[in-house]
Amino acid sequence: VQLQASGGGWVQAGGSLRLSCAASGSVFSIAATSWYRQAPGKQRELVAALTSGGNTNYADSVKGRFTISRDSAKNTVYLQMNSLKPEDTAVYSCNADVSSPLSGTRNYWGQGTLVTVSS
């Protein structure tokens, strides 16, 4: 099982990006998922979380601008980011509990994807 993050890039302040995190391999389902980010010189922080039951949680800095969602049929998690600000610039990584027939339910990290927001 692998988690593949994509969708990062460069955008001007006020713009939007949608990050994707797809589970590949022998996958039954994705349960709890989260997006984290780490800006240069700063600690990694939790940006958004989505429980298996569908409850969401957001960092105060992104509430009302970011939305986390899951497409169970595609085993993919998304982070829709609107009204982006320069302070959103960071490497974004996904984390998820993934169920597979070979290894049961385990926690996985996807590789980071860089988001750069210019002023």
Protein backbone atom coordinates (compact mmCIF):
# COMPACT_ATOMS: atom_id res chain seq x y z
CA VAL A 1 0.00 0.00 0.00
CA GLN A 2 1.20 3.47 -0.86
CA LEU A 3 -0.24 6.94 -0.40
CA GLN A 4 0.48 9.28 -3.28
CA ALA A 5 -0.06 13.00 -2.71
CA SER A 6 -0.41 15.40 -5.62
CA GLY A 7 -1.85 18.75 -6.60
CA GLY A 8 0.68 21.12 -5.11
CA GLY A 9 2.06 24.04 -7.06
CA TRP A 10 2.38 27.76 -7.25
CA VAL A 11 -0.58 30.07 -6.88
CA GLN A 12 -1.15 33.74 -6.21
CA ALA A 13 -2.72 34.88 -2.97
CA GLY A 14 -6.48 34.48 -3.10
CA GLY A 15 -6.25 31.52 -5.43
CA SER A 16 -7.22 27.89 -4.95
CA LEU A 17 -5.62 24.49 -5.15
CA ARG A 18 -6.92 20.98 -4.56
CA LEU A 19 -4.59 18.40 -3.11
CA SER A 20 -5.23 14.70 -3.61
CA CYS A 21 -3.99 11.72 -1.64
CA ALA A 22 -4.62 8.40 -3.32
CA ALA A 23 -4.08 4.97 -1.81
CA SER A 24 -2.75 2.41 -4.25
CA GLY A 25 -2.01 -1.27 -4.03
CA SER A 26 -4.24 -3.85 -2.45
CA VAL A 27 -6.65 -1.56 -0.60
CA PHE A 28 -9.99 -2.24 1.01
CA SER A 29 -10.69 1.24 2.31
CA ILE A 30 -9.35 4.45 3.78
CA ALA A 31 -10.55 5.36 7.26
CA ALA A 32 -9.31 8.31 9.33
CA THR A 33 -7.29 10.73 7.24
CA SER A 34 -5.39 13.92 7.92
CA TRP A 35 -3.43 16.59 6.13
CA TYR A 36 -0.37 18.13 7.75
CA ARG A 37 1.93 20.88 6.60
CA GLN A 38 5.40 22.04 7.42
CA ALA A 39 6.67 25.47 6.48
CA PRO A 40 10.39 26.25 6.32
CA GLY A 41 11.83 26.62 9.79
CA LYS A 42 8.58 25.62 11.48
CA GLN A 43 7.21 22.48 13.07
CA ARG A 44 4.76 20.28 11.27
CA GLU A 45 1.17 21.15 12.08
CA LEU A 46 -2.16 19.45 11.61
CA VAL A 47 -4.22 21.25 8.98
CA ALA A 48 -7.35 19.12 8.67
CA ALA A 49 -8.64 15.75 9.80
CA LEU A 50 -11.51 13.54 8.73
CA THR A 51 -12.63 10.62 10.88
CA SER A 52 -14.00 7.37 9.53
CA GLY A 53 -17.42 8.56 10.65
CA GLY A 54 -17.17 11.74 8.64
CA ASN A 55 -16.40 14.24 11.40
CA THR A 56 -13.96 16.98 10.46
CA ASN A 57 -11.51 19.11 12.36
CA TYR A 58 -9.51 22.09 11.09
CA ALA A 59 -6.71 24.25 12.31
CA ASP A 60 -8.03 27.68 13.25
CA SER A 61 -5.83 29.26 10.59
CA VAL A 62 -7.62 27.43 7.77
CA LYS A 63 -11.21 27.23 9.02
CA GLY A 64 -13.64 28.48 6.42
CA ARG A 65 -11.03 28.27 3.67
CA PHE A 66 -9.99 24.60 3.52
CA THR A 67 -12.21 21.54 3.15
CA ILE A 68 -11.16 17.93 3.63
CA SER A 69 -13.16 15.21 1.92
CA ARG A 70 -12.94 11.56 0.94
CA ASP A 71 -14.00 9.60 -2.13
CA SER A 72 -14.26 6.05 -0.82
CA ALA A 73 -14.84 4.58 -4.28
CA LYS A 74 -11.51 5.99 -5.43
CA ASN A 75 -9.69 5.49 -2.10
CA THR A 76 -8.70 9.12 -2.36
CA VAL A 77 -8.72 12.01 0.08
CA TYR A 78 -8.82 15.64 -0.97
CA LEU A 79 -7.94 18.97 0.54
CA GLN A 80 -9.65 21.87 -1.21
CA MET A 81 -7.80 25.05 -0.39
CA ASN A 82 -9.45 28.38 -1.19
CA SER A 83 -8.49 31.98 -0.48
CA LEU A 84 -4.88 30.95 -0.13
CA LYS A 85 -2.50 33.20 1.74
CA PRO A 86 1.30 33.44 1.59
CA GLU A 87 1.42 31.94 5.09
CA ASP A 88 -0.13 28.75 3.68
CA THR A 89 3.13 28.10 1.85
CA ALA A 90 4.42 24.73 3.06
CA VAL A 91 4.99 21.12 2.19
CA TYR A 92 1.68 19.32 2.66
CA SER A 93 1.56 15.63 3.58
CA CYS A 94 -1.32 13.23 3.97
CA ASN A 95 -1.73 10.57 6.62
CA ALA A 96 -4.33 7.83 6.63
CA ASP A 97 -5.41 4.57 8.19
CA VAL A 98 -5.67 2.16 5.29
CA SER A 99 -7.18 -1.30 5.35
CA SER A 100 -5.75 -3.96 3.05
CA PRO A 101 -6.17 -7.72 2.79
CA LEU A 102 -2.45 -8.27 3.19
CA SER A 103 -1.60 -6.12 6.19
CA GLY A 104 -4.89 -5.29 7.90
CA THR A 105 -5.35 -1.69 9.02
CA ARG A 106 -2.17 0.33 9.23
CA ASN A 107 -1.21 3.98 9.28
CA TYR A 108 0.56 5.39 6.25
CA TRP A 109 2.14 8.67 5.24
CA GLY A 110 2.16 10.03 1.74
CA GLN A 111 5.10 11.97 0.39
CA GLY A 112 4.85 15.73 0.65
CA THR A 113 3.63 18.07 -2.04
CA LEU A 114 4.82 21.67 -2.09
CA VAL A 115 2.35 24.53 -2.07
CA THR A 116 3.73 27.99 -2.74
CA VAL A 117 1.50 31.05 -2.39
CA SER A 118 2.86 34.33 -3.65
CA SER A 119 1.69 37.75 -2.48
